[in-house]
């Protein structure tokens, strides 16, 4: 996936799916990665206002589990002035940040119960 539109932004109406596809493609290409057995994903939710993204951390092993982030309003996905590649990079950084937070929350929950991931 290549962002060719210098004016692209995840906040532009109709571009929400492009942000999700960008996150998935970055992982497929190894640009965005995390621990083995973990995949970050996102979905756009149209709330009739600015909309928001929800991020997911899919754990494949040791057992399937999906963790979800709190809603992230679209304007927080990237600097509103960022467009094109800058907006794409900001989108990936936001996805990575949410994935990292979910991973740490999961690890803390496991540790609090005396379990081992």
PDB file of N, CA and C in Angstrom:
ATOM      1  N   UNK A   1       0.841  -1.176   0.000  1.00  0.00           N
ATOM      2  CA  UNK A   1       0.000   0.000   0.000  1.00  0.00           C
ATOM      3  C   UNK A   1       0.883   1.235   0.000  1.00  0.00           C
ATOM      4  N   UNK A   2       0.564   2.165  -0.829  1.00  0.00           N
ATOM      5  CA  UNK A   2       1.338   3.400  -0.942  1.00  0.00           C
ATOM      6  C   UNK A   2       0.381   4.579  -0.867  1.00  0.00           C
ATOM      7  N   UNK A   3       0.737   5.542  -0.037  1.00  0.00           N
ATOM      8  CA  UNK A   3      -0.063   6.768   0.033  1.00  0.00           C
ATOM      9  C   UNK A   3       0.544   7.735  -0.976  1.00  0.00           C
ATOM     10  N   UNK A   4      -0.164   7.937  -2.065  1.00  0.00           N
ATOM     11  CA  UNK A   4       0.331   8.823  -3.121  1.00  0.00           C
ATOM     12  C   UNK A   4      -0.260  10.229  -3.020  1.00  0.00           C
ATOM     13  N   UNK A   5      -1.366  10.330  -2.329  1.00  0.00           N
ATOM     14  CA  UNK A   5      -2.054  11.616  -2.209  1.00  0.00           C
ATOM     15  C   UNK A   5      -1.381  12.443  -1.124  1.00  0.00           C
ATOM     16  N   UNK A   6      -0.741  13.522  -1.518  1.00  0.00           N
ATOM     17  CA  UNK A   6      -0.050  14.370  -0.539  1.00  0.00           C
ATOM     18  C   UNK A   6      -1.000  15.024   0.438  1.00  0.00           C
ATOM     19  N   UNK A   7      -2.291  15.033   0.133  1.00  0.00           N
ATOM     20  CA  UNK A   7      -3.288  15.637   1.018  1.00  0.00           C
ATOM     21  C   UNK A   7      -3.998  14.581   1.863  1.00  0.00           C
ATOM     22  N   UNK A   8      -3.560  13.297   1.788  1.00  0.00           N
ATOM     23  CA  UNK A   8      -4.242  12.238   2.526  1.00  0.00           C
ATOM     24  C   UNK A   8      -4.185  12.489   4.018  1.00  0.00           C
ATOM     25  N   UNK A   9      -5.274  12.190   4.677  1.00  0.00           N
ATOM     26  CA  UNK A   9      -5.359  12.293   6.128  1.00  0.00           C
ATOM     27  C   UNK A   9      -6.402  11.302   6.612  1.00  0.00           C
ATOM     28  N   UNK A  10      -6.166  10.641   7.745  1.00  0.00           N
ATOM     29  CA  UNK A  10      -7.176   9.725   8.271  1.00  0.00           C
ATOM     30  C   UNK A  10      -8.442  10.465   8.702  1.00  0.00           C
ATOM     31  N   UNK A  11      -8.345  11.787   8.835  1.00  0.00           N
ATOM     32  CA  UNK A  11      -9.501  12.581   9.255  1.00  0.00           C
ATOM     33  C   UNK A  11     -10.402  12.980   8.083  1.00  0.00           C
ATOM     34  N   UNK A  12      -9.938  12.764   6.849  1.00  0.00           N
ATOM     35  CA  UNK A  12     -10.769  13.105   5.692  1.00  0.00           C
ATOM     36  C   UNK A  12     -11.900  12.097   5.562  1.00  0.00           C
ATOM     37  N   UNK A  13     -13.087  12.597   5.326  1.00  0.00           N
ATOM     38  CA  UNK A  13     -14.250  11.728   5.154  1.00  0.00           C
ATOM     39  C   UNK A  13     -13.970  10.727   4.038  1.00  0.00           C
ATOM     40  N   UNK A  14     -14.222   9.476   4.320  1.00  0.00           N
ATOM     41  CA  UNK A  14     -14.011   8.416   3.345  1.00  0.00           C
ATOM     42  C   UNK A  14     -12.629   7.779   3.399  1.00  0.00           C
ATOM     43  N   UNK A  15     -11.728   8.311   4.193  1.00  0.00           N
ATOM     44  CA  UNK A  15     -10.362   7.773   4.280  1.00  0.00           C
ATOM     45  C   UNK A  15     -10.129   6.911   5.516  1.00  0.00           C
ATOM     46  N   UNK A  16     -11.170   6.682   6.284  1.00  0.00           N
ATOM     47  CA  UNK A  16     -11.029   5.920   7.516  1.00  0.00           C
ATOM     48  C   UNK A  16     -10.552   4.497   7.244  1.00  0.00           C
ATOM     49  N   UNK A  17     -11.129   3.866   6.221  1.00  0.00           N
ATOM     50  CA  UNK A  17     -10.716   2.503   5.891  1.00  0.00           C
ATOM     51  C   UNK A  17      -9.270   2.458   5.411  1.00  0.00           C
ATOM     52  N   UNK A  18      -8.821   3.521   4.781  1.00  0.00           N
ATOM     53  CA  UNK A  18      -7.432   3.576   4.320  1.00  0.00           C
ATOM     54  C   UNK A  18      -6.487   3.510   5.514  1.00  0.00           C
ATOM     55  N   UNK A  19      -6.827   4.170   6.604  1.00  0.00           N
ATOM     56  CA  UNK A  19      -5.990   4.120   7.808  1.00  0.00           C
ATOM     57  C   UNK A  19      -5.900   2.693   8.335  1.00  0.00           C
ATOM     58  N   UNK A  20      -7.020   1.989   8.360  1.00  0.00           N
ATOM     59  CA  UNK A  20      -7.032   0.604   8.830  1.00  0.00           C
ATOM     60  C   UNK A  20      -6.196  -0.274   7.901  1.00  0.00           C
ATOM     61  N   UNK A  21      -6.365  -0.091   6.597  1.00  0.00           N
ATOM     62  CA  UNK A  21      -5.595  -0.871   5.629  1.00  0.00           C
ATOM     63  C   UNK A  21      -4.103  -0.564   5.728  1.00  0.00           C
ATOM     64  N   UNK A  22      -3.760   0.685   6.010  1.00  0.00           N
ATOM     65  CA  UNK A  22      -2.365   1.075   6.186  1.00  0.00           C
ATOM     66  C   UNK A  22      -1.746   0.328   7.361  1.00  0.00           C
ATOM     67  N   UNK A  23      -2.465   0.267   8.469  1.00  0.00           N
ATOM     68  CA  UNK A  23      -1.968  -0.431   9.667  1.00  0.00           C
ATOM     69  C   UNK A  23      -1.746  -1.915   9.356  1.00  0.00           C
ATOM     70  N   UNK A  24      -2.686  -2.528   8.676  1.00  0.00           N
ATOM     71  CA  UNK A  24      -2.562  -3.953   8.331  1.00  0.00           C
ATOM     72  C   UNK A  24      -1.403  -4.182   7.363  1.00  0.00           C
ATOM     73  N   UNK A  25      -1.301  -3.327   6.340  1.00  0.00           N
ATOM     74  CA  UNK A  25      -0.232  -3.483   5.346  1.00  0.00           C
ATOM     75  C   UNK A  25       1.145  -3.286   5.981  1.00  0.00           C
ATOM     76  N   UNK A  26       1.264  -2.349   6.904  1.00  0.00           N
ATOM     77  CA  UNK A  26       2.548  -2.101   7.565  1.00  0.00           C
ATOM     78  C   UNK A  26       3.001  -3.326   8.342  1.00  0.00           C
ATOM     79  N   UNK A  27       2.072  -4.059   8.904  1.00  0.00           N
ATOM     80  CA  UNK A  27       2.436  -5.280   9.621  1.00  0.00           C
ATOM     81  C   UNK A  27       2.806  -6.395   8.653  1.00  0.00           C
ATOM     82  N   UNK A  28       2.040  -6.508   7.581  1.00  0.00           N
ATOM     83  CA  UNK A  28       2.334  -7.529   6.572  1.00  0.00           C
ATOM     84  C   UNK A  28       3.731  -7.329   5.996  1.00  0.00           C
ATOM     85  N   UNK A  29       4.109  -6.073   5.798  1.00  0.00           N
ATOM     86  CA  UNK A  29       5.415  -5.752   5.209  1.00  0.00           C
ATOM     87  C   UNK A  29       6.535  -5.688   6.247  1.00  0.00           C
ATOM     88  N   UNK A  30       6.214  -5.873   7.525  1.00  0.00           N
ATOM     89  CA  UNK A  30       7.232  -5.845   8.564  1.00  0.00           C
ATOM     90  C   UNK A  30       7.660  -4.458   8.989  1.00  0.00           C
ATOM     91  N   UNK A  31       6.918  -3.445   8.576  1.00  0.00           N
ATOM     92  CA  UNK A  31       7.234  -2.065   8.951  1.00  0.00           C
ATOM     93  C   UNK A  31       6.772  -1.789  10.381  1.00  0.00           C
ATOM     94  N   UNK A  32       5.663  -2.381  10.748  1.00  0.00           N
ATOM     95  CA  UNK A  32       5.098  -2.271  12.090  1.00  0.00           C
ATOM     96  C   UNK A  32       5.060  -3.679  12.656  1.00  0.00           C
ATOM     97  N   UNK A  33       5.793  -3.899  13.730  1.00  0.00           N
ATOM     98  CA  UNK A  33       5.824  -5.252  14.290  1.00  0.00           C
ATOM     99  C   UNK A  33       5.884  -5.198  15.803  1.00  0.00           C
ATOM    100  N   UNK A  34       5.547  -6.302  16.389  1.00  0.00           N
ATOM    101  CA  UNK A  34       5.575  -6.432  17.836  1.00  0.00           C
ATOM    102  C   UNK A  34       6.000  -7.837  18.183  1.00  0.00           C
ATOM    103  N   UNK A  35       5.744  -8.234  19.408  1.00  0.00           N
ATOM    104  CA  UNK A  35       6.110  -9.594  19.806  1.00  0.00           C
ATOM    105  C   UNK A  35       5.410 -10.632  18.928  1.00  0.00           C
ATOM    106  N   UNK A  36       6.104 -11.743  18.723  1.00  0.00           N
ATOM    107  CA  UNK A  36       5.528 -12.809  17.916  1.00  0.00           C
ATOM    108  C   UNK A  36       4.228 -13.286  18.560  1.00  0.00           C
ATOM    109  N   UNK A  37       3.236 -13.526  17.737  1.00  0.00           N
ATOM    110  CA  UNK A  37       1.949 -13.988  18.234  1.00  0.00           C
ATOM    111  C   UNK A  37       1.000 -12.862  18.586  1.00  0.00           C
ATOM    112  N   UNK A  38       1.377 -11.613  18.288  1.00  0.00           N
ATOM    113  CA  UNK A  38       0.524 -10.465  18.566  1.00  0.00           C
ATOM    114  C   UNK A  38       0.346  -9.637  17.293  1.00  0.00           C
ATOM    115  N   UNK A  39      -0.884  -9.219  17.046  1.00  0.00           N
ATOM    116  CA  UNK A  39      -1.201  -8.418  15.861  1.00  0.00           C
ATOM    117  C   UNK A  39      -2.061  -7.239  16.290  1.00  0.00           C
ATOM    118  N   UNK A  40      -1.723  -6.046  15.825  1.00  0.00           N
ATOM    119  CA  UNK A  40      -2.516  -4.850  16.090  1.00  0.00           C
ATOM    120  C   UNK A  40      -3.490  -4.658  14.931  1.00  0.00           C
ATOM    121  N   UNK A  41      -4.701  -4.282  15.260  1.00  0.00           N
ATOM    122  CA  UNK A  41      -5.697  -3.999  14.237  1.00  0.00           C
ATOM    123  C   UNK A  41      -6.490  -2.780  14.699  1.00  0.00           C
ATOM    124  N   UNK A  42      -7.311  -2.253  13.820  1.00  0.00           N
ATOM    125  CA  UNK A  42      -8.115  -1.080  14.151  1.00  0.00           C
ATOM    126  C   UNK A  42      -9.430  -1.148  13.404  1.00  0.00           C
ATOM    127  N   UNK A  43     -10.380  -0.403  13.919  1.00  0.00           N
ATOM    128  CA  UNK A  43     -11.644  -0.235  13.209  1.00  0.00           C
ATOM    129  C   UNK A  43     -12.094   1.199  13.402  1.00  0.00           C
ATOM    130  N   UNK A  44     -12.788   1.720  12.418  1.00  0.00           N
ATOM    131  CA  UNK A  44     -13.350   3.057  12.507  1.00  0.00           C
ATOM    132  C   UNK A  44     -14.805   2.936  12.933  1.00  0.00           C
ATOM    133  N   UNK A  45     -15.211   3.788  13.843  1.00  0.00           N
ATOM    134  CA  UNK A  45     -16.598   3.833  14.289  1.00  0.00           C
ATOM    135  C   UNK A  45     -17.134   5.221  14.000  1.00  0.00           C
ATOM    136  N   UNK A  46     -18.165   5.284  13.172  1.00  0.00           N
ATOM    137  CA  UNK A  46     -18.791   6.565  12.819  1.00  0.00           C
ATOM    138  C   UNK A  46     -19.844   6.870  13.872  1.00  0.00           C
ATOM    139  N   UNK A  47     -19.579   7.886  14.665  1.00  0.00           N
ATOM    140  CA  UNK A  47     -20.505   8.255  15.735  1.00  0.00           C
ATOM    141  C   UNK A  47     -21.371   9.455  15.350  1.00  0.00           C
ATOM    142  N   UNK A  48     -21.333   9.855  14.083  1.00  0.00           N
ATOM    143  CA  UNK A  48     -22.107  10.996  13.631  1.00  0.00           C
ATOM    144  C   UNK A  48     -21.429  12.326  13.902  1.00  0.00           C
ATOM    145  N   UNK A  49     -20.273  12.277  14.560  1.00  0.00           N
ATOM    146  CA  UNK A  49     -19.511  13.488  14.846  1.00  0.00           C
ATOM    147  C   UNK A  49     -18.172  13.356  14.125  1.00  0.00           C
ATOM    148  N   UNK A  50     -17.057  13.424  14.840  1.00  0.00           N
ATOM    149  CA  UNK A  50     -15.756  13.292  14.194  1.00  0.00           C
ATOM    150  C   UNK A  50     -15.369  11.837  13.982  1.00  0.00           C
ATOM    151  N   UNK A  51     -16.045  10.926  14.669  1.00  0.00           N
ATOM    152  CA  UNK A  51     -15.725   9.510  14.581  1.00  0.00           C
ATOM    153  C   UNK A  51     -14.528   9.159  15.438  1.00  0.00           C
ATOM    154  N   UNK A  52     -14.322   7.874  15.615  1.00  0.00           N
ATOM    155  CA  UNK A  52     -13.177   7.437  16.395  1.00  0.00           C
ATOM    156  C   UNK A  52     -12.688   6.083  15.901  1.00  0.00           C
ATOM    157  N   UNK A  53     -11.453   5.793  16.282  1.00  0.00           N
ATOM    158  CA  UNK A  53     -10.859   4.496  16.008  1.00  0.00           C
ATOM    159  C   UNK A  53     -10.773   3.740  17.317  1.00  0.00           C
ATOM    160  N   UNK A  54     -10.940   2.460  17.216  1.00  0.00           N
ATOM    161  CA  UNK A  54     -10.685   1.567  18.344  1.00  0.00           C
ATOM    162  C   UNK A  54      -9.589   0.624  17.865  1.00  0.00           C
ATOM    163  N   UNK A  55      -8.596   0.423  18.702  1.00  0.00           N
ATOM    164  CA  UNK A  55      -7.479  -0.448  18.361  1.00  0.00           C
ATOM    165  C   UNK A  55      -7.629  -1.770  19.096  1.00  0.00           C
ATOM    166  N   UNK A  56      -7.134  -2.810  18.457  1.00  0.00           N
ATOM    167  CA  UNK A  56      -7.213  -4.148  19.027  1.00  0.00           C
ATOM    168  C   UNK A  56      -5.827  -4.765  19.043  1.00  0.00           C
ATOM    169  N   UNK A  57      -5.575  -5.555  20.053  1.00  0.00           N
ATOM    170  CA  UNK A  57      -4.384  -6.378  20.096  1.00  0.00           C
ATOM    171  C   UNK A  57      -4.880  -7.814  20.091  1.00  0.00           C
ATOM    172  N   UNK A  58      -4.622  -8.505  18.992  1.00  0.00           N
ATOM    173  CA  UNK A  58      -5.014  -9.904  18.872  1.00  0.00           C
ATOM    174  C   UNK A  58      -3.830 -10.751  19.313  1.00  0.00           C
ATOM    175  N   UNK A  59      -4.060 -11.545  20.352  1.00  0.00           N
ATOM    176  CA  UNK A  59      -3.041 -12.478  20.824  1.00  0.00           C
ATOM    177  C   UNK A  59      -3.356 -13.833  20.206  1.00  0.00           C
ATOM    178  N   UNK A  60      -2.404 -14.396  19.518  1.00  0.00           N
ATOM    179  CA  UNK A  60      -2.604 -15.674  18.864  1.00  0.00           C
ATOM    180  C   UNK A  60      -2.184 -16.804  19.791  1.00  0.00           C
ATOM    181  N   UNK A  61      -1.101 -16.592  20.540  1.00  0.00           N
ATOM    182  CA  UNK A  61      -0.623 -17.607  21.467  1.00  0.00           C
ATOM    183  C   UNK A  61      -0.243 -16.936  22.776  1.00  0.00           C
ATOM    184  N   UNK A  62      -0.341 -17.579  23.894  1.00  0.00           N
ATOM    185  CA  UNK A  62      -0.562 -19.010  24.084  1.00  0.00           C
ATOM    186  C   UNK A  62      -2.009 -19.453  23.853  1.00  0.00           C
ATOM    187  N   UNK A  63      -2.942 -18.517  23.866  1.00  0.00           N
ATOM    188  CA  UNK A  63      -4.345 -18.827  23.570  1.00  0.00           C
ATOM    189  C   UNK A  63      -4.958 -17.594  22.914  1.00  0.00           C
ATOM    190  N   UNK A  64      -5.879 -17.779  21.983  1.00  0.00           N
ATOM    191  CA  UNK A  64      -6.487 -16.627  21.307  1.00  0.00           C
ATOM    192  C   UNK A  64      -7.202 -15.698  22.293  1.00  0.00           C
ATOM    193  N   UNK A  65      -6.917 -14.416  22.148  1.00  0.00           N
ATOM    194  CA  UNK A  65      -7.536 -13.400  22.996  1.00  0.00           C
ATOM    195  C   UNK A  65      -7.435 -12.075  22.255  1.00  0.00           C
ATOM    196  N   UNK A  66      -8.479 -11.264  22.323  1.00  0.00           N
ATOM    197  CA  UNK A  66      -8.462  -9.938  21.719  1.00  0.00           C
ATOM    198  C   UNK A  66      -8.707  -8.900  22.793  1.00  0.00           C
ATOM    199  N   UNK A  67      -7.820  -7.914  22.853  1.00  0.00           N
ATOM    200  CA  UNK A  67      -7.942  -6.792  23.781  1.00  0.00           C
ATOM    201  C   UNK A  67      -8.292  -5.557  22.968  1.00  0.00           C
ATOM    202  N   UNK A  68      -9.125  -4.673  23.530  1.00  0.00           N
ATOM    203  CA  UNK A  68      -9.554  -3.468  22.818  1.00  0.00           C
ATOM    204  C   UNK A  68      -9.165  -2.215  23.598  1.00  0.00           C
ATOM    205  N   UNK A  69      -8.778  -1.201  22.860  1.00  0.00           N
ATOM    206  CA  UNK A  69      -8.422   0.078  23.463  1.00  0.00           C
ATOM    207  C   UNK A  69      -9.683   0.909  23.693  1.00  0.00           C
ATOM    208  N   UNK A  70      -9.559   1.942  24.519  1.00  0.00           N
ATOM    209  CA  UNK A  70     -10.646   2.920  24.583  1.00  0.00           C
ATOM    210  C   UNK A  70     -10.728   3.637  23.235  1.00  0.00           C
ATOM    211  N   UNK A  71     -11.831   4.305  22.951  1.00  0.00           N
ATOM    212  CA  UNK A  71     -11.955   5.030  21.676  1.00  0.00           C
ATOM    213  C   UNK A  71     -10.885   6.114  21.536  1.00  0.00           C
ATOM    214  N   UNK A  72     -10.378   6.254  20.318  1.00  0.00           N
ATOM    215  CA  UNK A  72      -9.401   7.294  19.987  1.00  0.00           C
ATOM    216  C   UNK A  72     -10.053   8.197  18.945  1.00  0.00           C
ATOM    217  N   UNK A  73     -10.455   9.417  19.327  1.00  0.00           N
ATOM    218  CA  UNK A  73     -11.078  10.308  18.338  1.00  0.00           C
ATOM    219  C   UNK A  73     -10.174  10.505  17.121  1.00  0.00           C
ATOM    220  N   UNK A  74     -10.771  10.527  15.953  1.00  0.00           N
ATOM    221  CA  UNK A  74     -10.011  10.651  14.706  1.00  0.00           C
ATOM    222  C   UNK A  74      -9.013  11.808  14.749  1.00  0.00           C
ATOM    223  N   UNK A  75      -9.371  12.988  15.266  1.00  0.00           N
ATOM    224  CA  UNK A  75      -8.382  14.081  15.276  1.00  0.00           C
ATOM    225  C   UNK A  75      -7.110  13.754  16.062  1.00  0.00           C
ATOM    226  N   UNK A  76      -7.153  12.750  16.936  1.00  0.00           N
ATOM    227  CA  UNK A  76      -5.954  12.377  17.690  1.00  0.00           C
ATOM    228  C   UNK A  76      -5.075  11.373  16.953  1.00  0.00           C
ATOM    229  N   UNK A  77      -5.535  10.905  15.807  1.00  0.00           N
ATOM    230  CA  UNK A  77      -4.752   9.940  15.042  1.00  0.00           C
ATOM    231  C   UNK A  77      -3.470  10.573  14.514  1.00  0.00           C
ATOM    232  N   UNK A  78      -3.530  11.833  14.210  1.00  0.00           N
ATOM    233  CA  UNK A  78      -2.372  12.543  13.659  1.00  0.00           C
ATOM    234  C   UNK A  78      -2.585  14.025  13.890  1.00  0.00           C
ATOM    235  N   UNK A  79      -1.521  14.776  13.808  1.00  0.00           N
ATOM    236  CA  UNK A  79      -1.619  16.224  13.871  1.00  0.00           C
ATOM    237  C   UNK A  79      -2.578  16.655  12.761  1.00  0.00           C
ATOM    238  N   UNK A  80      -3.614  17.423  13.089  1.00  0.00           N
ATOM    239  CA  UNK A  80      -4.581  17.827  12.059  1.00  0.00           C
ATOM    240  C   UNK A  80      -3.940  18.496  10.841  1.00  0.00           C
ATOM    241  N   UNK A  81      -2.766  19.081  11.011  1.00  0.00           N
ATOM    242  CA  UNK A  81      -2.089  19.725   9.891  1.00  0.00           C
ATOM    243  C   UNK A  81      -1.276  18.723   9.063  1.00  0.00           C
ATOM    244  N   UNK A  82      -1.056  17.515   9.605  1.00  0.00           N
ATOM    245  CA  UNK A  82      -0.265  16.510   8.890  1.00  0.00           C
ATOM    246  C   UNK A  82      -1.087  15.898   7.765  1.00  0.00           C
ATOM    247  N   UNK A  83      -0.448  15.729   6.631  1.00  0.00           N
ATOM    248  CA  UNK A  83      -1.094  15.093   5.486  1.00  0.00           C
ATOM    249  C   UNK A  83      -0.078  14.189   4.803  1.00  0.00           C
ATOM    250  N   UNK A  84      -0.561  13.365   3.897  1.00  0.00           N
ATOM    251  CA  UNK A  84       0.309  12.501   3.116  1.00  0.00           C
ATOM    252  C   UNK A  84       1.123  11.558   3.968  1.00  0.00           C
ATOM    253  N   UNK A  85       2.399  11.471   3.656  1.00  0.00           N
ATOM    254  CA  UNK A  85       3.283  10.536   4.349  1.00  0.00           C
ATOM    255  C   UNK A  85       3.344  10.841   5.842  1.00  0.00           C
ATOM    256  N   UNK A  86       3.391  12.121   6.199  1.00  0.00           N
ATOM    257  CA  UNK A  86       3.449  12.490   7.613  1.00  0.00           C
ATOM    258  C   UNK A  86       2.222  11.973   8.364  1.00  0.00           C
ATOM    259  N   UNK A  87       1.057  12.079   7.759  1.00  0.00           N
ATOM    260  CA  UNK A  87      -0.169  11.570   8.390  1.00  0.00           C
ATOM    261  C   UNK A  87      -0.135  10.045   8.460  1.00  0.00           C
ATOM    262  N   UNK A  88       0.425   9.408   7.432  1.00  0.00           N
ATOM    263  CA  UNK A  88       0.556   7.953   7.444  1.00  0.00           C
ATOM    264  C   UNK A  88       1.464   7.475   8.560  1.00  0.00           C
ATOM    265  N   UNK A  89       2.611   8.128   8.707  1.00  0.00           N
ATOM    266  CA  UNK A  89       3.543   7.765   9.775  1.00  0.00           C
ATOM    267  C   UNK A  89       2.897   8.005  11.141  1.00  0.00           C
ATOM    268  N   UNK A  90       2.215   9.122  11.298  1.00  0.00           N
ATOM    269  CA  UNK A  90       1.541   9.419  12.568  1.00  0.00           C
ATOM    270  C   UNK A  90       0.481   8.362  12.872  1.00  0.00           C
ATOM    271  N   UNK A  91      -0.231   7.903  11.853  1.00  0.00           N
ATOM    272  CA  UNK A  91      -1.235   6.860  12.034  1.00  0.00           C
ATOM    273  C   UNK A  91      -0.584   5.582  12.530  1.00  0.00           C
ATOM    274  N   UNK A  92       0.541   5.209  11.935  1.00  0.00           N
ATOM    275  CA  UNK A  92       1.247   3.995  12.362  1.00  0.00           C
ATOM    276  C   UNK A  92       1.803   4.144  13.773  1.00  0.00           C
ATOM    277  N   UNK A  93       2.312   5.315  14.102  1.00  0.00           N
ATOM    278  CA  UNK A  93       2.815   5.540  15.459  1.00  0.00           C
ATOM    279  C   UNK A  93       1.688   5.453  16.483  1.00  0.00           C
ATOM    280  N   UNK A  94       0.519   5.967  16.124  1.00  0.00           N
ATOM    281  CA  UNK A  94      -0.636   5.887  17.020  1.00  0.00           C
ATOM    282  C   UNK A  94      -1.052   4.436  17.218  1.00  0.00           C
ATOM    283  N   UNK A  95      -1.088   3.659  16.142  1.00  0.00           N
ATOM    284  CA  UNK A  95      -1.446   2.239  16.243  1.00  0.00           C
ATOM    285  C   UNK A  95      -0.430   1.491  17.101  1.00  0.00           C
ATOM    286  N   UNK A  96       0.865   1.771  16.892  1.00  0.00           N
ATOM    287  CA  UNK A  96       1.910   1.111  17.674  1.00  0.00           C
ATOM    288  C   UNK A  96       1.785   1.464  19.149  1.00  0.00           C
ATOM    289  N   UNK A  97       1.491   2.723  19.437  1.00  0.00           N
ATOM    290  CA  UNK A  97       1.333   3.160  20.822  1.00  0.00           C
ATOM    291  C   UNK A  97       0.174   2.437  21.499  1.00  0.00           C
ATOM    292  N   UNK A  98      -0.948   2.346  20.817  1.00  0.00           N
ATOM    293  CA  UNK A  98      -2.098   1.647  21.397  1.00  0.00           C
ATOM    294  C   UNK A  98      -1.810   0.157  21.565  1.00  0.00           C
ATOM    295  N   UNK A  99      -1.138  -0.450  20.593  1.00  0.00           N
ATOM    296  CA  UNK A  99      -0.768  -1.856  20.711  1.00  0.00           C
ATOM    297  C   UNK A  99       0.157  -2.095  21.889  1.00  0.00           C
ATOM    298  N   UNK A 100       1.130  -1.205  22.057  1.00  0.00           N
ATOM    299  CA  UNK A 100       2.079  -1.303  23.175  1.00  0.00           C
ATOM    300  C   UNK A 100       1.352  -1.166  24.512  1.00  0.00           C
ATOM    301  N   UNK A 101       0.437  -0.215  24.595  1.00  0.00           N
ATOM    302  CA  UNK A 101      -0.321  -0.028  25.841  1.00  0.00           C
ATOM    303  C   UNK A 101      -1.143  -1.271  26.185  1.00  0.00           C
ATOM    304  N   UNK A 102      -1.807  -1.817  25.166  1.00  0.00           N
ATOM    305  CA  UNK A 102      -2.606  -3.023  25.403  1.00  0.00           C
ATOM    306  C   UNK A 102      -1.721  -4.195  25.826  1.00  0.00           C
ATOM    307  N   UNK A 103      -0.562  -4.323  25.213  1.00  0.00           N
ATOM    308  CA  UNK A 103       0.369  -5.382  25.583  1.00  0.00           C
ATOM    309  C   UNK A 103       0.786  -5.231  27.050  1.00  0.00           C
ATOM    310  N   UNK A 104       1.131  -4.012  27.454  1.00  0.00           N
ATOM    311  CA  UNK A 104       1.560  -3.775  28.838  1.00  0.00           C
ATOM    312  C   UNK A 104       0.417  -4.002  29.828  1.00  0.00           C
ATOM    313  N   UNK A 105      -0.790  -3.615  29.456  1.00  0.00           N
ATOM    314  CA  UNK A 105      -1.942  -3.859  30.334  1.00  0.00           C
ATOM    315  C   UNK A 105      -2.171  -5.358  30.511  1.00  0.00           C
ATOM    316  N   UNK A 106      -2.043  -6.105  29.423  1.00  0.00           N
ATOM    317  CA  UNK A 106      -2.211  -7.546  29.485  1.00  0.00           C
ATOM    318  C   UNK A 106      -1.131  -8.168  30.373  1.00  0.00           C
ATOM    319  N   UNK A 107       0.113  -7.769  30.155  1.00  0.00           N
ATOM    320  CA  UNK A 107       1.217  -8.300  30.951  1.00  0.00           C
ATOM    321  C   UNK A 107       1.035  -7.975  32.437  1.00  0.00           C
ATOM    322  N   UNK A 108       0.563  -6.753  32.733  1.00  0.00           N
ATOM    323  CA  UNK A 108       0.339  -6.363  34.136  1.00  0.00           C
ATOM    324  C   UNK A 108      -0.780  -7.186  34.759  1.00  0.00           C
ATOM    325  N   UNK A 109      -1.826  -7.457  33.983  1.00  0.00           N
ATOM    326  CA  UNK A 109      -2.942  -8.265  34.498  1.00  0.00           C
ATOM    327  C   UNK A 109      -2.473  -9.694  34.790  1.00  0.00           C
ATOM    328  N   UNK A 110      -1.669 -10.249  33.913  1.00  0.00           N
ATOM    329  CA  UNK A 110      -1.147 -11.600  34.123  1.00  0.00           C
ATOM    330  C   UNK A 110      -0.255 -11.625  35.356  1.00  0.00           C
ATOM    331  N   UNK A 111       0.628 -10.633  35.471  1.00  0.00           N
ATOM    332  CA  UNK A 111       1.526 -10.565  36.616  1.00  0.00           C
ATOM    333  C   UNK A 111       0.755 -10.409  37.932  1.00  0.00           C
ATOM    334  N   UNK A 112      -0.317  -9.632  37.904  1.00  0.00           N
ATOM    335  CA  UNK A 112      -1.115  -9.388  39.112  1.00  0.00           C
ATOM    336  C   UNK A 112      -1.814 -10.656  39.592  1.00  0.00           C
ATOM    337  N   UNK A 113      -2.073 -11.562  38.687  1.00  0.00           N
ATOM    338  CA  UNK A 113      -2.740 -12.814  39.070  1.00  0.00           C
ATOM    339  C   UNK A 113      -1.737 -13.910  39.383  1.00  0.00           C
ATOM    340  N   UNK A 114      -0.427 -13.587  39.266  1.00  0.00           N
ATOM    341  CA  UNK A 114       0.609 -14.579  39.540  1.00  0.00           C
ATOM    342  C   UNK A 114       0.806 -15.556  38.391  1.00  0.00           C
ATOM    343  N   UNK A 115       0.184 -15.245  37.254  1.00  0.00           N
ATOM    344  CA  UNK A 115       0.315 -16.124  36.100  1.00  0.00           C
ATOM    345  C   UNK A 115       1.535 -15.821  35.285  1.00  0.00           C
ATOM    346  N   UNK A 116       1.726 -16.588  34.249  1.00  0.00           N
ATOM    347  CA  UNK A 116       2.851 -16.400  33.354  1.00  0.00           C
ATOM    348  C   UNK A 116       2.313 -16.367  31.946  1.00  0.00           C
ATOM    349  N   UNK A 117       2.736 -15.391  31.191  1.00  0.00           N
ATOM    350  CA  UNK A 117       2.256 -15.288  29.800  1.00  0.00           C
ATOM    351  C   UNK A 117       2.813 -16.378  29.000  1.00  0.00           C
TER     352      UNK A 117
END
